[in-house]
Amino acid sequence: MQKSIERIAGESEGVSYEFPLFRFTGSDKAAPSAYLQAALHAGELPGVVAIDALMPMLARAEAEGRIKGNLTIVP
């Protein structure tokens, strides 16, 4: 798993927003990829909780070589 912090510019000068991005690299380049994003709008917390529960499972699956396609996750 690779973690990075992405930054996007805001509408006003000097304003920017940062968010974490997690990438899991699959073992099969031909396998489909998936993108998961939680809390697109403020207050949408169930998705954040779901991804928080999913992350340890994905880390374990990656360690065991069970992730085939690439995964990009934005909690």
PDB file of N, CA and C in Angstrom:
ATOM      1  N   MET A   1       0.847  -1.171   0.000  1.00  0.00           N
ATOM      2  CA  MET A   1       0.000   0.000   0.000  1.00  0.00           C
ATOM      3  C   MET A   1       0.891   1.232   0.000  1.00  0.00           C
ATOM      4  N   GLN A   2       0.553   2.139  -0.854  1.00  0.00           N
ATOM      5  CA  GLN A   2       1.242   3.421  -0.902  1.00  0.00           C
ATOM      6  C   GLN A   2       0.272   4.498  -0.454  1.00  0.00           C
ATOM      7  N   LYS A   3       0.717   5.355   0.441  1.00  0.00           N
ATOM      8  CA  LYS A   3      -0.116   6.463   0.897  1.00  0.00           C
ATOM      9  C   LYS A   3       0.516   7.762   0.430  1.00  0.00           C
ATOM     10  N   SER A   4      -0.320   8.644  -0.083  1.00  0.00           N
ATOM     11  CA  SER A   4       0.153   9.973  -0.446  1.00  0.00           C
ATOM     12  C   SER A   4      -0.888  10.988   0.005  1.00  0.00           C
ATOM     13  N   ILE A   5      -0.475  12.215   0.063  1.00  0.00           N
ATOM     14  CA  ILE A   5      -1.385  13.310   0.386  1.00  0.00           C
ATOM     15  C   ILE A   5      -1.536  14.144  -0.881  1.00  0.00           C
ATOM     16  N   GLU A   6      -2.752  14.242  -1.370  1.00  0.00           N
ATOM     17  CA  GLU A   6      -3.036  15.030  -2.565  1.00  0.00           C
ATOM     18  C   GLU A   6      -3.503  16.417  -2.139  1.00  0.00           C
ATOM     19  N   ARG A   7      -3.142  17.402  -2.914  1.00  0.00           N
ATOM     20  CA  ARG A   7      -3.534  18.778  -2.614  1.00  0.00           C
ATOM     21  C   ARG A   7      -4.221  19.366  -3.838  1.00  0.00           C
ATOM     22  N   ILE A   8      -5.367  19.979  -3.620  1.00  0.00           N
ATOM     23  CA  ILE A   8      -6.059  20.666  -4.702  1.00  0.00           C
ATOM     24  C   ILE A   8      -6.255  22.122  -4.293  1.00  0.00           C
ATOM     25  N   ALA A   9      -6.219  23.000  -5.271  1.00  0.00           N
ATOM     26  CA  ALA A   9      -6.369  24.426  -5.011  1.00  0.00           C
ATOM     27  C   ALA A   9      -7.823  24.758  -4.697  1.00  0.00           C
ATOM     28  N   GLY A  10      -8.004  25.712  -3.804  1.00  0.00           N
ATOM     29  CA  GLY A  10      -9.343  26.203  -3.489  1.00  0.00           C
ATOM     30  C   GLY A  10      -9.727  27.332  -4.432  1.00  0.00           C
ATOM     31  N   GLU A  11     -10.890  27.902  -4.207  1.00  0.00           N
ATOM     32  CA  GLU A  11     -11.392  28.980  -5.057  1.00  0.00           C
ATOM     33  C   GLU A  11     -10.694  30.306  -4.782  1.00  0.00           C
ATOM     34  N   SER A  12     -10.154  30.479  -3.577  1.00  0.00           N
ATOM     35  CA  SER A  12      -9.498  31.732  -3.196  1.00  0.00           C
ATOM     36  C   SER A  12      -7.989  31.544  -3.191  1.00  0.00           C
ATOM     37  N   GLU A  13      -7.275  32.625  -3.437  1.00  0.00           N
ATOM     38  CA  GLU A  13      -5.818  32.568  -3.435  1.00  0.00           C
ATOM     39  C   GLU A  13      -5.309  32.165  -2.056  1.00  0.00           C
ATOM     40  N   GLY A  14      -4.374  31.240  -2.038  1.00  0.00           N
ATOM     41  CA  GLY A  14      -3.797  30.785  -0.779  1.00  0.00           C
ATOM     42  C   GLY A  14      -4.580  29.686  -0.081  1.00  0.00           C
ATOM     43  N   VAL A  15      -5.710  29.277  -0.655  1.00  0.00           N
ATOM     44  CA  VAL A  15      -6.527  28.223  -0.053  1.00  0.00           C
ATOM     45  C   VAL A  15      -6.294  26.923  -0.819  1.00  0.00           C
ATOM     46  N   SER A  16      -6.023  25.863  -0.087  1.00  0.00           N
ATOM     47  CA  SER A  16      -5.896  24.550  -0.709  1.00  0.00           C
ATOM     48  C   SER A  16      -6.472  23.509   0.243  1.00  0.00           C
ATOM     49  N   TYR A  17      -6.781  22.362  -0.303  1.00  0.00           N
ATOM     50  CA  TYR A  17      -7.359  21.268   0.467  1.00  0.00           C
ATOM     51  C   TYR A  17      -6.480  20.043   0.282  1.00  0.00           C
ATOM     52  N   GLU A  18      -6.278  19.314   1.358  1.00  0.00           N
ATOM     53  CA  GLU A  18      -5.465  18.104   1.309  1.00  0.00           C
ATOM     54  C   GLU A  18      -6.300  16.901   1.722  1.00  0.00           C
ATOM     55  N   PHE A  19      -6.032  15.779   1.083  1.00  0.00           N
ATOM     56  CA  PHE A  19      -6.721  14.541   1.437  1.00  0.00           C
ATOM     57  C   PHE A  19      -5.785  13.363   1.190  1.00  0.00           C
ATOM     58  N   PRO A  20      -5.955  12.297   1.992  1.00  0.00           N
ATOM     59  CA  PRO A  20      -5.106  11.121   1.807  1.00  0.00           C
ATOM     60  C   PRO A  20      -5.583  10.281   0.620  1.00  0.00           C
ATOM     61  N   LEU A  21      -4.643   9.614   0.007  1.00  0.00           N
ATOM     62  CA  LEU A  21      -4.927   8.729  -1.111  1.00  0.00           C
ATOM     63  C   LEU A  21      -4.132   7.450  -0.884  1.00  0.00           C
ATOM     64  N   PHE A  22      -4.801   6.317  -0.933  1.00  0.00           N
ATOM     65  CA  PHE A  22      -4.152   5.024  -0.739  1.00  0.00           C
ATOM     66  C   PHE A  22      -4.223   4.249  -2.047  1.00  0.00           C
ATOM     67  N   ARG A  23      -3.095   3.650  -2.422  1.00  0.00           N
ATOM     68  CA  ARG A  23      -3.051   2.847  -3.647  1.00  0.00           C
ATOM     69  C   ARG A  23      -2.534   1.449  -3.325  1.00  0.00           C
ATOM     70  N   PHE A  24      -3.280   0.470  -3.804  1.00  0.00           N
ATOM     71  CA  PHE A  24      -2.868  -0.925  -3.723  1.00  0.00           C
ATOM     72  C   PHE A  24      -2.584  -1.364  -5.155  1.00  0.00           C
ATOM     73  N   THR A  25      -1.400  -1.894  -5.392  1.00  0.00           N
ATOM     74  CA  THR A  25      -1.026  -2.331  -6.731  1.00  0.00           C
ATOM     75  C   THR A  25      -1.307  -3.815  -6.862  1.00  0.00           C
ATOM     76  N   GLY A  26      -2.155  -4.141  -7.817  1.00  0.00           N
ATOM     77  CA  GLY A  26      -2.526  -5.531  -8.024  1.00  0.00           C
ATOM     78  C   GLY A  26      -1.438  -6.333  -8.719  1.00  0.00           C
ATOM     79  N   SER A  27      -1.556  -7.644  -8.623  1.00  0.00           N
ATOM     80  CA  SER A  27      -0.559  -8.543  -9.207  1.00  0.00           C
ATOM     81  C   SER A  27      -0.832  -8.867 -10.672  1.00  0.00           C
ATOM     82  N   ASP A  28      -2.039  -8.563 -11.150  1.00  0.00           N
ATOM     83  CA  ASP A  28      -2.423  -8.890 -12.524  1.00  0.00           C
ATOM     84  C   ASP A  28      -2.726  -7.599 -13.275  1.00  0.00           C
ATOM     85  N   LYS A  29      -1.841  -7.221 -14.198  1.00  0.00           N
ATOM     86  CA  LYS A  29      -2.010  -5.962 -14.937  1.00  0.00           C
ATOM     87  C   LYS A  29      -3.271  -5.957 -15.796  1.00  0.00           C
ATOM     88  N   ALA A  30      -3.781  -7.129 -16.158  1.00  0.00           N
ATOM     89  CA  ALA A  30      -4.977  -7.217 -16.986  1.00  0.00           C
ATOM     90  C   ALA A  30      -6.263  -7.169 -16.158  1.00  0.00           C
ATOM     91  N   ALA A  31      -6.151  -7.260 -14.846  1.00  0.00           N
ATOM     92  CA  ALA A  31      -7.335  -7.265 -13.979  1.00  0.00           C
ATOM     93  C   ALA A  31      -7.944  -5.865 -13.915  1.00  0.00           C
ATOM     94  N   PRO A  32      -9.248  -5.781 -13.686  1.00  0.00           N
ATOM     95  CA  PRO A  32      -9.891  -4.472 -13.570  1.00  0.00           C
ATOM     96  C   PRO A  32      -9.383  -3.701 -12.350  1.00  0.00           C
ATOM     97  N   SER A  33      -9.500  -2.395 -12.423  1.00  0.00           N
ATOM     98  CA  SER A  33      -9.145  -1.519 -11.310  1.00  0.00           C
ATOM     99  C   SER A  33     -10.418  -1.018 -10.645  1.00  0.00           C
ATOM    100  N   ALA A  34     -10.272  -0.546  -9.404  1.00  0.00           N
ATOM    101  CA  ALA A  34     -11.423  -0.003  -8.678  1.00  0.00           C
ATOM    102  C   ALA A  34     -11.013   1.269  -7.950  1.00  0.00           C
ATOM    103  N   TYR A  35     -11.963   2.185  -7.830  1.00  0.00           N
ATOM    104  CA  TYR A  35     -11.771   3.445  -7.112  1.00  0.00           C
ATOM    105  C   TYR A  35     -12.875   3.539  -6.070  1.00  0.00           C
ATOM    106  N   LEU A  36     -12.489   3.722  -4.814  1.00  0.00           N
ATOM    107  CA  LEU A  36     -13.460   3.864  -3.726  1.00  0.00           C
ATOM    108  C   LEU A  36     -13.260   5.221  -3.074  1.00  0.00           C
ATOM    109  N   GLN A  37     -14.345   5.951  -2.902  1.00  0.00           N
ATOM    110  CA  GLN A  37     -14.260   7.262  -2.263  1.00  0.00           C
ATOM    111  C   GLN A  37     -15.387   7.398  -1.258  1.00  0.00           C
ATOM    112  N   ALA A  38     -15.048   7.893  -0.082  1.00  0.00           N
ATOM    113  CA  ALA A  38     -16.041   8.130   0.964  1.00  0.00           C
ATOM    114  C   ALA A  38     -16.191   9.627   1.172  1.00  0.00           C
ATOM    115  N   ALA A  39     -17.312  10.027   1.696  1.00  0.00           N
ATOM    116  CA  ALA A  39     -17.556  11.408   2.115  1.00  0.00           C
ATOM    117  C   ALA A  39     -17.298  12.416   1.001  1.00  0.00           C
ATOM    118  N   LEU A  40     -17.945  12.206  -0.132  1.00  0.00           N
ATOM    119  CA  LEU A  40     -17.840  13.182  -1.213  1.00  0.00           C
ATOM    120  C   LEU A  40     -18.370  14.532  -0.742  1.00  0.00           C
ATOM    121  N   HIS A  41     -19.416  14.497   0.053  1.00  0.00           N
ATOM    122  CA  HIS A  41     -19.987  15.710   0.639  1.00  0.00           C
ATOM    123  C   HIS A  41     -19.794  15.662   2.154  1.00  0.00           C
ATOM    124  N   ALA A  42     -19.757  16.804   2.770  1.00  0.00           N
ATOM    125  CA  ALA A  42     -19.579  16.876   4.231  1.00  0.00           C
ATOM    126  C   ALA A  42     -20.692  16.114   4.943  1.00  0.00           C
ATOM    127  N   GLY A  43     -20.332  15.444   6.009  1.00  0.00           N
ATOM    128  CA  GLY A  43     -21.321  14.741   6.821  1.00  0.00           C
ATOM    129  C   GLY A  43     -21.667  13.345   6.341  1.00  0.00           C
ATOM    130  N   GLU A  44     -21.062  12.874   5.271  1.00  0.00           N
ATOM    131  CA  GLU A  44     -21.352  11.526   4.776  1.00  0.00           C
ATOM    132  C   GLU A  44     -20.396  10.536   5.443  1.00  0.00           C
ATOM    133  N   LEU A  45     -20.643  10.273   6.701  1.00  0.00           N
ATOM    134  CA  LEU A  45     -19.708   9.487   7.500  1.00  0.00           C
ATOM    135  C   LEU A  45     -19.814   7.972   7.363  1.00  0.00           C
ATOM    136  N   PRO A  46     -20.953   7.382   6.979  1.00  0.00           N
ATOM    137  CA  PRO A  46     -20.983   5.922   6.871  1.00  0.00           C
ATOM    138  C   PRO A  46     -19.928   5.359   5.916  1.00  0.00           C
ATOM    139  N   GLY A  47     -19.657   6.045   4.819  1.00  0.00           N
ATOM    140  CA  GLY A  47     -18.629   5.583   3.891  1.00  0.00           C
ATOM    141  C   GLY A  47     -17.240   5.626   4.498  1.00  0.00           C
ATOM    142  N   VAL A  48     -16.979   6.648   5.314  1.00  0.00           N
ATOM    143  CA  VAL A  48     -15.683   6.760   5.992  1.00  0.00           C
ATOM    144  C   VAL A  48     -15.498   5.590   6.948  1.00  0.00           C
ATOM    145  N   VAL A  49     -16.549   5.263   7.692  1.00  0.00           N
ATOM    146  CA  VAL A  49     -16.492   4.139   8.634  1.00  0.00           C
ATOM    147  C   VAL A  49     -16.285   2.826   7.877  1.00  0.00           C
ATOM    148  N   ALA A  50     -16.972   2.668   6.757  1.00  0.00           N
ATOM    149  CA  ALA A  50     -16.834   1.438   5.967  1.00  0.00           C
ATOM    150  C   ALA A  50     -15.406   1.280   5.433  1.00  0.00           C
ATOM    151  N   ILE A  51     -14.842   2.352   4.906  1.00  0.00           N
ATOM    152  CA  ILE A  51     -13.470   2.263   4.388  1.00  0.00           C
ATOM    153  C   ILE A  51     -12.481   2.045   5.521  1.00  0.00           C
ATOM    154  N   ASP A  52     -12.724   2.656   6.674  1.00  0.00           N
ATOM    155  CA  ASP A  52     -11.855   2.442   7.833  1.00  0.00           C
ATOM    156  C   ASP A  52     -11.836   0.962   8.228  1.00  0.00           C
ATOM    157  N   ALA A  53     -12.974   0.298   8.140  1.00  0.00           N
ATOM    158  CA  ALA A  53     -13.045  -1.134   8.455  1.00  0.00           C
ATOM    159  C   ALA A  53     -12.416  -1.978   7.342  1.00  0.00           C
ATOM    160  N   LEU A  54     -12.495  -1.501   6.117  1.00  0.00           N
ATOM    161  CA  LEU A  54     -11.985  -2.241   4.961  1.00  0.00           C
ATOM    162  C   LEU A  54     -10.456  -2.190   4.839  1.00  0.00           C
ATOM    163  N   MET A  55      -9.840  -1.096   5.244  1.00  0.00           N
ATOM    164  CA  MET A  55      -8.393  -0.906   5.046  1.00  0.00           C
ATOM    165  C   MET A  55      -7.531  -2.018   5.654  1.00  0.00           C
ATOM    166  N   PRO A  56      -7.763  -2.455   6.902  1.00  0.00           N
ATOM    167  CA  PRO A  56      -6.939  -3.552   7.430  1.00  0.00           C
ATOM    168  C   PRO A  56      -7.118  -4.854   6.644  1.00  0.00           C
ATOM    169  N   MET A  57      -8.328  -5.096   6.153  1.00  0.00           N
ATOM    170  CA  MET A  57      -8.572  -6.297   5.355  1.00  0.00           C
ATOM    171  C   MET A  57      -7.811  -6.231   4.032  1.00  0.00           C
ATOM    172  N   LEU A  58      -7.794  -5.048   3.419  1.00  0.00           N
ATOM    173  CA  LEU A  58      -7.060  -4.887   2.165  1.00  0.00           C
ATOM    174  C   LEU A  58      -5.556  -5.007   2.383  1.00  0.00           C
ATOM    175  N   ALA A  59      -5.059  -4.458   3.476  1.00  0.00           N
ATOM    176  CA  ALA A  59      -3.627  -4.567   3.784  1.00  0.00           C
ATOM    177  C   ALA A  59      -3.232  -6.029   3.962  1.00  0.00           C
ATOM    178  N   ARG A  60      -4.085  -6.793   4.626  1.00  0.00           N
ATOM    179  CA  ARG A  60      -3.823  -8.221   4.827  1.00  0.00           C
ATOM    180  C   ARG A  60      -3.869  -8.961   3.482  1.00  0.00           C
ATOM    181  N   ALA A  61      -4.872  -8.635   2.665  1.00  0.00           N
ATOM    182  CA  ALA A  61      -4.993  -9.277   1.351  1.00  0.00           C
ATOM    183  C   ALA A  61      -3.790  -8.951   0.470  1.00  0.00           C
ATOM    184  N   GLU A  62      -3.309  -7.721   0.550  1.00  0.00           N
ATOM    185  CA  GLU A  62      -2.131  -7.344  -0.235  1.00  0.00           C
ATOM    186  C   GLU A  62      -0.902  -8.130   0.225  1.00  0.00           C
ATOM    187  N   ALA A  63      -0.732  -8.258   1.530  1.00  0.00           N
ATOM    188  CA  ALA A  63       0.410  -9.000   2.078  1.00  0.00           C
ATOM    189  C   ALA A  63       0.377 -10.466   1.651  1.00  0.00           C
ATOM    190  N   GLU A  64      -0.821 -10.996   1.451  1.00  0.00           N
ATOM    191  CA  GLU A  64      -0.988 -12.390   1.042  1.00  0.00           C
ATOM    192  C   GLU A  64      -1.019 -12.553  -0.479  1.00  0.00           C
ATOM    193  N   GLY A  65      -0.897 -11.456  -1.220  1.00  0.00           N
ATOM    194  CA  GLY A  65      -0.898 -11.518  -2.678  1.00  0.00           C
ATOM    195  C   GLY A  65      -2.254 -11.771  -3.294  1.00  0.00           C
ATOM    196  N   ARG A  66      -3.322 -11.419  -2.591  1.00  0.00           N
ATOM    197  CA  ARG A  66      -4.669 -11.714  -3.085  1.00  0.00           C
ATOM    198  C   ARG A  66      -5.325 -10.553  -3.833  1.00  0.00           C
ATOM    199  N   ILE A  67      -4.661  -9.429  -3.966  1.00  0.00           N
ATOM    200  CA  ILE A  67      -5.232  -8.309  -4.715  1.00  0.00           C
ATOM    201  C   ILE A  67      -4.755  -8.428  -6.160  1.00  0.00           C
ATOM    202  N   LYS A  68      -5.693  -8.558  -7.075  1.00  0.00           N
ATOM    203  CA  LYS A  68      -5.354  -8.773  -8.484  1.00  0.00           C
ATOM    204  C   LYS A  68      -5.285  -7.456  -9.253  1.00  0.00           C
ATOM    205  N   GLY A  69      -6.307  -6.613  -9.118  1.00  0.00           N
ATOM    206  CA  GLY A  69      -6.340  -5.339  -9.837  1.00  0.00           C
ATOM    207  C   GLY A  69      -5.904  -4.195  -8.939  1.00  0.00           C
ATOM    208  N   ASN A  70      -5.634  -3.054  -9.544  1.00  0.00           N
ATOM    209  CA  ASN A  70      -5.231  -1.884  -8.774  1.00  0.00           C
ATOM    210  C   ASN A  70      -6.428  -1.286  -8.039  1.00  0.00           C
ATOM    211  N   LEU A  71      -6.185  -0.825  -6.823  1.00  0.00           N
ATOM    212  CA  LEU A  71      -7.217  -0.173  -6.022  1.00  0.00           C
ATOM    213  C   LEU A  71      -6.732   1.214  -5.636  1.00  0.00           C
ATOM    214  N   THR A  72      -7.602   2.191  -5.789  1.00  0.00           N
ATOM    215  CA  THR A  72      -7.334   3.549  -5.328  1.00  0.00           C
ATOM    216  C   THR A  72      -8.435   3.897  -4.343  1.00  0.00           C
ATOM    217  N   ILE A  73      -8.045   4.331  -3.148  1.00  0.00           N
ATOM    218  CA  ILE A  73      -9.020   4.589  -2.088  1.00  0.00           C
ATOM    219  C   ILE A  73      -8.803   5.983  -1.518  1.00  0.00           C
ATOM    220  N   VAL A  74      -9.892   6.742  -1.446  1.00  0.00           N
ATOM    221  CA  VAL A  74      -9.890   8.067  -0.828  1.00  0.00           C
ATOM    222  C   VAL A  74     -10.915   8.032   0.299  1.00  0.00           C
ATOM    223  N   PRO A  75     -10.433   7.935   1.549  1.00  0.00           N
ATOM    224  CA  PRO A  75     -11.389   7.845   2.669  1.00  0.00           C
ATOM    225  C   PRO A  75     -12.071   9.169   2.979  1.00  0.00           C
TER     226      PRO A  75
END
